[in-house]
Amino acid sequence: SYHDGCFWMFSEGGRKFEGLSQNLNVCLAIYDKY
């Protein structure tokens, strides 16, 4: 979801938290089919 100038994501968990636990710098991509 996008509001207040930020992206908001609910998540049950998963391996993404392995990276987040050590590094809060992220990149996200949004794209249409080529």
Full PDB file with SEQRES, HELIX, SHEET, SSBOND, CRYST1, ORIGX, SCALE, CONECT and MASTER records, all heavy atoms in Angstrom:
SEQRES   1 A   34  SER TYR HIS ASP GLY CYS PHE TRP MET PHE SER GLU GLY          
SEQRES   2 A   34  GLY ARG LYS PHE GLU GLY LEU SER GLN ASN LEU ASN VAL          
SEQRES   3 A   34  CYS LEU ALA ILE TYR ASP LYS TYR                              
HELIX    1 AA1 LYS A   16  LEU A   20  1                                   5    
CRYST1    1.000    1.000    1.000  90.00  90.00  90.00 P 1           1          
ORIGX1      1.000000  0.000000  0.000000        0.00000                         
ORIGX2      0.000000  1.000000  0.000000        0.00000                         
ORIGX3      0.000000  0.000000  1.000000        0.00000                         
SCALE1      1.000000  0.000000  0.000000        0.00000                         
SCALE2      0.000000  1.000000  0.000000        0.00000                         
SCALE3      0.000000  0.000000  1.000000        0.00000                         
ATOM      1  N   SER A   1       0.886  -1.161   0.000  1.00  0.00           N  
ATOM      2  CA  SER A   1       0.000   0.000   0.000  1.00  0.00           C  
ATOM      3  C   SER A   1       0.921   1.206   0.000  1.00  0.00           C  
ATOM      4  O   SER A   1       2.054   1.121   0.470  1.00  0.00           O  
ATOM      5  CB  SER A   1      -0.870   0.042   1.248  1.00  0.00           C  
ATOM      6  OG  SER A   1      -1.661  -1.115   1.349  1.00  0.00           O  
ATOM      7  N   TYR A   2       0.447   2.311  -0.519  1.00  0.00           N  
ATOM      8  CA  TYR A   2       1.265   3.518  -0.537  1.00  0.00           C  
ATOM      9  C   TYR A   2       0.444   4.672   0.012  1.00  0.00           C  
ATOM     10  O   TYR A   2      -0.625   4.998  -0.511  1.00  0.00           O  
ATOM     11  CB  TYR A   2       1.723   3.834  -1.972  1.00  0.00           C  
ATOM     12  CG  TYR A   2       2.626   5.035  -2.065  1.00  0.00           C  
ATOM     13  CD1 TYR A   2       3.971   4.931  -1.756  1.00  0.00           C  
ATOM     14  CD2 TYR A   2       2.124   6.270  -2.438  1.00  0.00           C  
ATOM     15  CE1 TYR A   2       4.806   6.038  -1.838  1.00  0.00           C  
ATOM     16  CE2 TYR A   2       2.957   7.380  -2.526  1.00  0.00           C  
ATOM     17  CZ  TYR A   2       4.297   7.254  -2.215  1.00  0.00           C  
ATOM     18  OH  TYR A   2       5.116   8.349  -2.288  1.00  0.00           O  
ATOM     19  N   HIS A   3       0.924   5.225   1.093  1.00  0.00           N  
ATOM     20  CA  HIS A   3       0.317   6.435   1.655  1.00  0.00           C  
ATOM     21  C   HIS A   3       1.332   7.092   2.576  1.00  0.00           C  
ATOM     22  O   HIS A   3       2.316   6.483   2.988  1.00  0.00           O  
ATOM     23  CB  HIS A   3      -1.002   6.138   2.386  1.00  0.00           C  
ATOM     24  CG  HIS A   3      -0.902   5.139   3.494  1.00  0.00           C  
ATOM     25  ND1 HIS A   3      -0.565   5.475   4.782  1.00  0.00           N  
ATOM     26  CD2 HIS A   3      -1.093   3.804   3.498  1.00  0.00           C  
ATOM     27  CE1 HIS A   3      -0.569   4.400   5.536  1.00  0.00           C  
ATOM     28  NE2 HIS A   3      -0.881   3.366   4.783  1.00  0.00           N  
ATOM     29  N   ASP A   4       1.109   8.363   2.837  1.00  0.00           N  
ATOM     30  CA  ASP A   4       2.010   9.149   3.692  1.00  0.00           C  
ATOM     31  C   ASP A   4       3.441   9.129   3.163  1.00  0.00           C  
ATOM     32  O   ASP A   4       4.399   9.186   3.932  1.00  0.00           O  
ATOM     33  CB  ASP A   4       1.952   8.656   5.139  1.00  0.00           C  
ATOM     34  CG  ASP A   4       0.552   8.714   5.724  1.00  0.00           C  
ATOM     35  OD1 ASP A   4      -0.190   9.672   5.401  1.00  0.00           O  
ATOM     36  OD2 ASP A   4       0.173   7.797   6.484  1.00  0.00           O  
ATOM     37  N   GLY A   5       3.590   9.001   1.830  1.00  0.00           N  
ATOM     38  CA  GLY A   5       4.911   9.027   1.216  1.00  0.00           C  
ATOM     39  C   GLY A   5       5.732   7.768   1.398  1.00  0.00           C  
ATOM     40  O   GLY A   5       6.926   7.762   1.097  1.00  0.00           O  
ATOM     41  N   CYS A   6       5.110   6.689   1.886  1.00  0.00           N  
ATOM     42  CA  CYS A   6       5.837   5.441   2.156  1.00  0.00           C  
ATOM     43  C   CYS A   6       5.102   4.234   1.588  1.00  0.00           C  
ATOM     44  O   CYS A   6       3.900   4.278   1.349  1.00  0.00           O  
ATOM     45  CB  CYS A   6       6.004   5.238   3.663  1.00  0.00           C  
ATOM     46  SG  CYS A   6       7.026   6.470   4.466  1.00  0.00           S  
ATOM     47  N   PHE A   7       5.859   3.165   1.408  1.00  0.00           N  
ATOM     48  CA  PHE A   7       5.310   1.871   1.016  1.00  0.00           C  
ATOM     49  C   PHE A   7       5.116   1.046   2.281  1.00  0.00           C  
ATOM     50  O   PHE A   7       6.018   0.963   3.113  1.00  0.00           O  
ATOM     51  CB  PHE A   7       6.279   1.136   0.079  1.00  0.00           C  
ATOM     52  CG  PHE A   7       6.424   1.790  -1.256  1.00  0.00           C  
ATOM     53  CD1 PHE A   7       7.328   2.820  -1.444  1.00  0.00           C  
ATOM     54  CD2 PHE A   7       5.660   1.372  -2.336  1.00  0.00           C  
ATOM     55  CE1 PHE A   7       7.470   3.430  -2.678  1.00  0.00           C  
ATOM     56  CE2 PHE A   7       5.788   1.972  -3.575  1.00  0.00           C  
ATOM     57  CZ  PHE A   7       6.692   3.000  -3.750  1.00  0.00           C  
ATOM     58  N   TRP A   8       3.949   0.416   2.396  1.00  0.00           N  
ATOM     59  CA  TRP A   8       3.592  -0.364   3.590  1.00  0.00           C  
ATOM     60  C   TRP A   8       3.286  -1.786   3.162  1.00  0.00           C  
ATOM     61  O   TRP A   8       2.508  -1.995   2.224  1.00  0.00           O  
ATOM     62  CB  TRP A   8       2.378   0.251   4.258  1.00  0.00           C  
ATOM     63  CG  TRP A   8       2.575   1.674   4.683  1.00  0.00           C  
ATOM     64  CD1 TRP A   8       2.512   2.783   3.881  1.00  0.00           C  
ATOM     65  CD2 TRP A   8       2.875   2.151   5.983  1.00  0.00           C  
ATOM     66  NE1 TRP A   8       2.751   3.913   4.613  1.00  0.00           N  
ATOM     67  CE2 TRP A   8       2.978   3.553   5.919  1.00  0.00           C  
ATOM     68  CE3 TRP A   8       3.057   1.529   7.216  1.00  0.00           C  
ATOM     69  CZ2 TRP A   8       3.257   4.340   7.019  1.00  0.00           C  
ATOM     70  CZ3 TRP A   8       3.338   2.311   8.319  1.00  0.00           C  
ATOM     71  CH2 TRP A   8       3.438   3.702   8.218  1.00  0.00           C  
ATOM     72  N   MET A   9       3.885  -2.770   3.851  1.00  0.00           N  
ATOM     73  CA  MET A   9       3.715  -4.168   3.482  1.00  0.00           C  
ATOM     74  C   MET A   9       3.514  -5.027   4.721  1.00  0.00           C  
ATOM     75  O   MET A   9       4.380  -5.055   5.594  1.00  0.00           O  
ATOM     76  CB  MET A   9       4.954  -4.667   2.740  1.00  0.00           C  
ATOM     77  CG  MET A   9       5.198  -3.991   1.419  1.00  0.00           C  
ATOM     78  SD  MET A   9       6.918  -4.115   0.903  1.00  0.00           S  
ATOM     79  CE  MET A   9       7.390  -2.399   0.973  1.00  0.00           C  
ATOM     80  N   PHE A  10       2.390  -5.700   4.783  1.00  0.00           N  
ATOM     81  CA  PHE A  10       2.182  -6.710   5.816  1.00  0.00           C  
ATOM     82  C   PHE A  10       2.833  -8.001   5.330  1.00  0.00           C  
ATOM     83  O   PHE A  10       2.749  -8.343   4.150  1.00  0.00           O  
ATOM     84  CB  PHE A  10       0.691  -6.959   6.055  1.00  0.00           C  
ATOM     85  CG  PHE A  10       0.066  -6.042   7.066  1.00  0.00           C  
ATOM     86  CD1 PHE A  10      -0.997  -5.237   6.711  1.00  0.00           C  
ATOM     87  CD2 PHE A  10       0.524  -5.994   8.376  1.00  0.00           C  
ATOM     88  CE1 PHE A  10      -1.598  -4.390   7.638  1.00  0.00           C  
ATOM     89  CE2 PHE A  10      -0.061  -5.155   9.309  1.00  0.00           C  
ATOM     90  CZ  PHE A  10      -1.123  -4.356   8.943  1.00  0.00           C  
ATOM     91  N   SER A  11       3.474  -8.728   6.239  1.00  0.00           N  
ATOM     92  CA  SER A  11       4.127  -9.986   5.887  1.00  0.00           C  
ATOM     93  C   SER A  11       4.077 -10.945   7.067  1.00  0.00           C  
ATOM     94  O   SER A  11       4.324 -10.547   8.209  1.00  0.00           O  
ATOM     95  CB  SER A  11       5.589  -9.733   5.505  1.00  0.00           C  
ATOM     96  OG  SER A  11       6.278 -10.957   5.315  1.00  0.00           O  
ATOM     97  N   GLU A  12       3.792 -12.210   6.752  1.00  0.00           N  
ATOM     98  CA  GLU A  12       3.803 -13.234   7.796  1.00  0.00           C  
ATOM     99  C   GLU A  12       5.219 -13.491   8.289  1.00  0.00           C  
ATOM    100  O   GLU A  12       5.427 -13.878   9.435  1.00  0.00           O  
ATOM    101  CB  GLU A  12       3.233 -14.565   7.260  1.00  0.00           C  
ATOM    102  CG  GLU A  12       1.815 -14.488   6.793  1.00  0.00           C  
ATOM    103  CD  GLU A  12       1.676 -14.084   5.320  1.00  0.00           C  
ATOM    104  OE1 GLU A  12       2.680 -13.679   4.680  1.00  0.00           O  
ATOM    105  OE2 GLU A  12       0.554 -14.144   4.821  1.00  0.00           O  
ATOM    106  N   GLY A  13       6.192 -13.316   7.414  1.00  0.00           N  
ATOM    107  CA  GLY A  13       7.588 -13.606   7.728  1.00  0.00           C  
ATOM    108  C   GLY A  13       8.296 -14.017   6.455  1.00  0.00           C  
ATOM    109  O   GLY A  13       7.859 -13.685   5.363  1.00  0.00           O  
ATOM    110  N   GLY A  14       9.384 -14.754   6.590  1.00  0.00           N  
ATOM    111  CA  GLY A  14      10.125 -15.239   5.436  1.00  0.00           C  
ATOM    112  C   GLY A  14      11.575 -14.790   5.463  1.00  0.00           C  
ATOM    113  O   GLY A  14      12.004 -14.043   6.346  1.00  0.00           O  
ATOM    114  N   ARG A  15      12.302 -15.247   4.473  1.00  0.00           N  
ATOM    115  CA  ARG A  15      13.744 -15.022   4.456  1.00  0.00           C  
ATOM    116  C   ARG A  15      14.131 -13.561   4.252  1.00  0.00           C  
ATOM    117  O   ARG A  15      15.249 -13.159   4.558  1.00  0.00           O  
ATOM    118  CB  ARG A  15      14.397 -15.891   3.373  1.00  0.00           C  
ATOM    119  CG  ARG A  15      14.089 -17.353   3.601  1.00  0.00           C  
ATOM    120  CD  ARG A  15      15.174 -18.361   3.749  1.00  0.00           C  
ATOM    121  NE  ARG A  15      16.508 -17.961   3.953  1.00  0.00           N  
ATOM    122  CZ  ARG A  15      17.517 -18.304   3.148  1.00  0.00           C  
ATOM    123  NH1 ARG A  15      17.295 -19.015   2.060  1.00  0.00           N  
ATOM    124  NH2 ARG A  15      18.743 -17.935   3.425  1.00  0.00           N  
ATOM    125  N   LYS A  16      13.209 -12.735   3.765  1.00  0.00           N  
ATOM    126  CA  LYS A  16      13.518 -11.310   3.615  1.00  0.00           C  
ATOM    127  C   LYS A  16      13.944 -10.708   4.959  1.00  0.00           C  
ATOM    128  O   LYS A  16      14.726  -9.775   5.010  1.00  0.00           O  
ATOM    129  CB  LYS A  16      12.351 -10.545   3.005  1.00  0.00           C  
ATOM    130  CG  LYS A  16      11.110 -10.487   3.853  1.00  0.00           C  
ATOM    131  CD  LYS A  16       9.964  -9.852   3.078  1.00  0.00           C  
ATOM    132  CE  LYS A  16       8.637 -10.416   3.439  1.00  0.00           C  
ATOM    133  NZ  LYS A  16       8.423 -11.806   3.137  1.00  0.00           N  
ATOM    134  N   PHE A  17      13.432 -11.277   6.050  1.00  0.00           N  
ATOM    135  CA  PHE A  17      13.766 -10.756   7.378  1.00  0.00           C  
ATOM    136  C   PHE A  17      15.198 -11.091   7.778  1.00  0.00           C  
ATOM    137  O   PHE A  17      15.766 -10.429   8.636  1.00  0.00           O  
ATOM    138  CB  PHE A  17      12.757 -11.260   8.413  1.00  0.00           C  
ATOM    139  CG  PHE A  17      11.414 -10.602   8.257  1.00  0.00           C  
ATOM    140  CD1 PHE A  17      10.424 -11.175   7.485  1.00  0.00           C  
ATOM    141  CD2 PHE A  17      11.163  -9.380   8.860  1.00  0.00           C  
ATOM    142  CE1 PHE A  17       9.206 -10.550   7.308  1.00  0.00           C  
ATOM    143  CE2 PHE A  17       9.942  -8.744   8.686  1.00  0.00           C  
ATOM    144  CZ  PHE A  17       8.957  -9.338   7.909  1.00  0.00           C  
ATOM    145  N   GLU A  18      15.798 -12.090   7.123  1.00  0.00           N  
ATOM    146  CA  GLU A  18      17.208 -12.397   7.347  1.00  0.00           C  
ATOM    147  C   GLU A  18      18.063 -11.196   6.937  1.00  0.00           C  
ATOM    148  O   GLU A  18      18.964 -10.775   7.662  1.00  0.00           O  
ATOM    149  CB  GLU A  18      17.590 -13.623   6.515  1.00  0.00           C  
ATOM    150  CG  GLU A  18      18.602 -14.515   7.155  1.00  0.00           C  
ATOM    151  CD  GLU A  18      18.783 -15.790   6.360  1.00  0.00           C  
ATOM    152  OE1 GLU A  18      17.822 -16.566   6.202  1.00  0.00           O  
ATOM    153  OE2 GLU A  18      19.917 -16.005   5.880  1.00  0.00           O  
ATOM    154  N   GLY A  19      17.757 -10.646   5.763  1.00  0.00           N  
ATOM    155  CA  GLY A  19      18.478  -9.462   5.298  1.00  0.00           C  
ATOM    156  C   GLY A  19      18.136  -8.243   6.130  1.00  0.00           C  
ATOM    157  O   GLY A  19      19.016  -7.471   6.522  1.00  0.00           O  
ATOM    158  N   LEU A  20      16.839  -8.052   6.411  1.00  0.00           N  
ATOM    159  CA  LEU A  20      16.408  -6.870   7.176  1.00  0.00           C  
ATOM    160  C   LEU A  20      17.013  -6.843   8.578  1.00  0.00           C  
ATOM    161  O   LEU A  20      17.247  -5.766   9.118  1.00  0.00           O  
ATOM    162  CB  LEU A  20      14.887  -6.828   7.260  1.00  0.00           C  
ATOM    163  CG  LEU A  20      14.153  -6.497   5.960  1.00  0.00           C  
ATOM    164  CD1 LEU A  20      12.650  -6.701   6.122  1.00  0.00           C  
ATOM    165  CD2 LEU A  20      14.462  -5.080   5.513  1.00  0.00           C  
ATOM    166  N   SER A  21      17.248  -8.011   9.156  1.00  0.00           N  
ATOM    167  CA  SER A  21      17.796  -8.033  10.517  1.00  0.00           C  
ATOM    168  C   SER A  21      19.186  -7.421  10.589  1.00  0.00           C  
ATOM    169  O   SER A  21      19.612  -6.967  11.643  1.00  0.00           O  
ATOM    170  CB  SER A  21      17.828  -9.465  11.057  1.00  0.00           C  
ATOM    171  OG  SER A  21      18.838 -10.223  10.413  1.00  0.00           O  
ATOM    172  N   GLN A  22      19.899  -7.392   9.453  1.00  0.00           N  
ATOM    173  CA  GLN A  22      21.261  -6.862   9.418  1.00  0.00           C  
ATOM    174  C   GLN A  22      21.417  -5.605   8.583  1.00  0.00           C  
ATOM    175  O   GLN A  22      22.433  -4.918   8.681  1.00  0.00           O  
ATOM    176  CB  GLN A  22      22.202  -7.932   8.862  1.00  0.00           C  
ATOM    177  CG  GLN A  22      22.244  -9.189   9.689  1.00  0.00           C  
ATOM    178  CD  GLN A  22      23.076 -10.241   9.006  1.00  0.00           C  
ATOM    179  OE1 GLN A  22      24.239 -10.009   8.706  1.00  0.00           O  
ATOM    180  NE2 GLN A  22      22.484 -11.402   8.762  1.00  0.00           N  
ATOM    181  N   ASN A  23      20.404  -5.328   7.712  1.00  0.00           N  
ATOM    182  CA  ASN A  23      20.552  -4.220   6.777  1.00  0.00           C  
ATOM    183  C   ASN A  23      19.169  -3.707   6.399  1.00  0.00           C  
ATOM    184  O   ASN A  23      18.421  -4.399   5.713  1.00  0.00           O  
ATOM    185  CB  ASN A  23      21.299  -4.702   5.527  1.00  0.00           C  
ATOM    186  CG  ASN A  23      21.508  -3.615   4.503  1.00  0.00           C  
ATOM    187  OD1 ASN A  23      21.189  -2.448   4.730  1.00  0.00           O  
ATOM    188  ND2 ASN A  23      22.037  -3.993   3.363  1.00  0.00           N  
ATOM    189  N   LEU A  24      18.844  -2.511   6.830  1.00  0.00           N  
ATOM    190  CA  LEU A  24      17.531  -1.937   6.547  1.00  0.00           C  
ATOM    191  C   LEU A  24      17.472  -1.193   5.216  1.00  0.00           C  
ATOM    192  O   LEU A  24      16.423  -0.662   4.855  1.00  0.00           O  
ATOM    193  CB  LEU A  24      17.091  -1.029   7.700  1.00  0.00           C  
ATOM    194  CG  LEU A  24      16.821  -1.751   9.019  1.00  0.00           C  
ATOM    195  CD1 LEU A  24      16.536  -0.752  10.146  1.00  0.00           C  
ATOM    196  CD2 LEU A  24      15.674  -2.748   8.888  1.00  0.00           C  
ATOM    197  N   ASN A  25      18.589  -1.158   4.476  1.00  0.00           N  
ATOM    198  CA  ASN A  25      18.577  -0.573   3.135  1.00  0.00           C  
ATOM    199  C   ASN A  25      17.940  -1.577   2.182  1.00  0.00           C  
ATOM    200  O   ASN A  25      18.323  -2.750   2.160  1.00  0.00           O  
ATOM    201  CB  ASN A  25      19.996  -0.243   2.672  1.00  0.00           C  
ATOM    202  CG  ASN A  25      20.606   0.823   3.546  1.00  0.00           C  
ATOM    203  OD1 ASN A  25      20.073   1.913   3.667  1.00  0.00           O  
ATOM    204  ND2 ASN A  25      21.730   0.509   4.168  1.00  0.00           N  
ATOM    205  N   VAL A  26      16.946  -1.120   1.426  1.00  0.00           N  
ATOM    206  CA  VAL A  26      16.208  -2.002   0.529  1.00  0.00           C  
ATOM    207  C   VAL A  26      16.025  -1.339  -0.826  1.00  0.00           C  
ATOM    208  O   VAL A  26      16.244  -0.136  -0.980  1.00  0.00           O  
ATOM    209  CB  VAL A  26      14.821  -2.374   1.105  1.00  0.00           C  
ATOM    210  CG1 VAL A  26      14.961  -3.119   2.434  1.00  0.00           C  
ATOM    211  CG2 VAL A  26      13.940  -1.148   1.276  1.00  0.00           C  
ATOM    212  N   CYS A  27      15.598  -2.135  -1.779  1.00  0.00           N  
ATOM    213  CA  CYS A  27      15.191  -1.629  -3.080  1.00  0.00           C  
ATOM    214  C   CYS A  27      13.938  -2.391  -3.462  1.00  0.00           C  
ATOM    215  O   CYS A  27      13.833  -3.587  -3.205  1.00  0.00           O  
ATOM    216  CB  CYS A  27      16.295  -1.853  -4.108  1.00  0.00           C  
ATOM    217  SG  CYS A  27      15.949  -1.061  -5.699  1.00  0.00           S  
ATOM    218  N   LEU A  28      12.983  -1.670  -4.021  1.00  0.00           N  
ATOM    219  CA  LEU A  28      11.800  -2.352  -4.524  1.00  0.00           C  
ATOM    220  C   LEU A  28      11.567  -1.930  -5.958  1.00  0.00           C  
ATOM    221  O   LEU A  28      11.961  -0.841  -6.374  1.00  0.00           O  
ATOM    222  CB  LEU A  28      10.576  -2.109  -3.643  1.00  0.00           C  
ATOM    223  CG  LEU A  28      10.020  -0.705  -3.473  1.00  0.00           C  
ATOM    224  CD1 LEU A  28       9.013  -0.379  -4.557  1.00  0.00           C  
ATOM    225  CD2 LEU A  28       9.327  -0.614  -2.119  1.00  0.00           C  
ATOM    226  N   ALA A  29      10.964  -2.830  -6.720  1.00  0.00           N  
ATOM    227  CA  ALA A  29      10.685  -2.573  -8.131  1.00  0.00           C  
ATOM    228  C   ALA A  29       9.214  -2.824  -8.416  1.00  0.00           C  
ATOM    229  O   ALA A  29       8.630  -3.785  -7.921  1.00  0.00           O  
ATOM    230  CB  ALA A  29      11.553  -3.463  -9.016  1.00  0.00           C  
ATOM    231  N   ILE A  30       8.639  -1.921  -9.201  1.00  0.00           N  
ATOM    232  CA  ILE A  30       7.275  -2.050  -9.702  1.00  0.00           C  
ATOM    233  C   ILE A  30       7.408  -1.955 -11.216  1.00  0.00           C  
ATOM    234  O   ILE A  30       8.120  -1.076 -11.722  1.00  0.00           O  
ATOM    235  CB  ILE A  30       6.378  -0.907  -9.191  1.00  0.00           C  
ATOM    236  CG1 ILE A  30       6.443  -0.797  -7.672  1.00  0.00           C  
ATOM    237  CG2 ILE A  30       4.949  -1.085  -9.674  1.00  0.00           C  
ATOM    238  CD1 ILE A  30       5.864   0.505  -7.135  1.00  0.00           C  
ATOM    239  N   TYR A  31       6.740  -2.818 -11.943  1.00  0.00           N  
ATOM    240  CA  TYR A  31       6.925  -2.783 -13.395  1.00  0.00           C  
ATOM    241  C   TYR A  31       5.758  -3.441 -14.111  1.00  0.00           C  
ATOM    242  O   TYR A  31       5.030  -4.250 -13.553  1.00  0.00           O  
ATOM    243  CB  TYR A  31       8.231  -3.479 -13.785  1.00  0.00           C  
ATOM    244  CG  TYR A  31       8.395  -4.838 -13.160  1.00  0.00           C  
ATOM    245  CD1 TYR A  31       7.951  -5.973 -13.808  1.00  0.00           C  
ATOM    246  CD2 TYR A  31       8.969  -4.972 -11.900  1.00  0.00           C  
ATOM    247  CE1 TYR A  31       8.084  -7.219 -13.221  1.00  0.00           C  
ATOM    248  CE2 TYR A  31       9.095  -6.211 -11.306  1.00  0.00           C  
ATOM    249  CZ  TYR A  31       8.655  -7.336 -11.967  1.00  0.00           C  
ATOM    250  OH  TYR A  31       8.770  -8.567 -11.385  1.00  0.00           O  
ATOM    251  N   ASP A  32       5.595  -3.050 -15.365  1.00  0.00           N  
ATOM    252  CA  ASP A  32       4.599  -3.647 -16.245  1.00  0.00           C  
ATOM    253  C   ASP A  32       5.273  -4.735 -17.073  1.00  0.00           C  
ATOM    254  O   ASP A  32       6.498  -4.727 -17.252  1.00  0.00           O  
ATOM    255  CB  ASP A  32       4.026  -2.605 -17.206  1.00  0.00           C  
ATOM    256  CG  ASP A  32       3.189  -1.545 -16.513  1.00  0.00           C  
ATOM    257  OD1 ASP A  32       2.934  -1.658 -15.308  1.00  0.00           O  
ATOM    258  OD2 ASP A  32       2.794  -0.582 -17.202  1.00  0.00           O  
ATOM    259  N   LYS A  33       4.472  -5.605 -17.621  1.00  0.00           N  
ATOM    260  CA  LYS A  33       4.966  -6.626 -18.531  1.00  0.00           C  
ATOM    261  C   LYS A  33       5.646  -5.932 -19.711  1.00  0.00           C  
ATOM    262  O   LYS A  33       5.131  -4.947 -20.236  1.00  0.00           O  
ATOM    263  CB  LYS A  33       3.788  -7.470 -19.014  1.00  0.00           C  
ATOM    264  CG  LYS A  33       4.142  -8.506 -20.024  1.00  0.00           C  
ATOM    265  CD  LYS A  33       2.897  -9.251 -20.486  1.00  0.00           C  
ATOM    266  CE  LYS A  33       3.247 -10.159 -21.640  1.00  0.00           C  
ATOM    267  NZ  LYS A  33       2.059 -10.802 -22.188  1.00  0.00           N  
ATOM    268  N   TYR A  34       6.799  -6.440 -20.127  1.00  0.00           N  
ATOM    269  CA  TYR A  34       7.508  -5.862 -21.267  1.00  0.00           C  
ATOM    270  C   TYR A  34       6.698  -6.075 -22.535  1.00  0.00           C  
ATOM    271  O   TYR A  34       6.290  -7.191 -22.854  1.00  0.00           O  
ATOM    272  CB  TYR A  34       8.905  -6.488 -21.414  1.00  0.00           C  
ATOM    273  CG  TYR A  34       9.643  -5.942 -22.612  1.00  0.00           C  
ATOM    274  CD1 TYR A  34      10.194  -4.674 -22.572  1.00  0.00           C  
ATOM    275  CD2 TYR A  34       9.750  -6.678 -23.782  1.00  0.00           C  
ATOM    276  CE1 TYR A  34      10.860  -4.155 -23.670  1.00  0.00           C  
ATOM    277  CE2 TYR A  34      10.419  -6.169 -24.885  1.00  0.00           C  
ATOM    278  CZ  TYR A  34      10.965  -4.904 -24.821  1.00  0.00           C  
ATOM    279  OH  TYR A  34      11.616  -4.394 -25.909  1.00  0.00           O  
TER     280      TYR A  34                                                      
MASTER        0    0    0    1    0    0    0    6  279    1    0    3          
END                                                                             
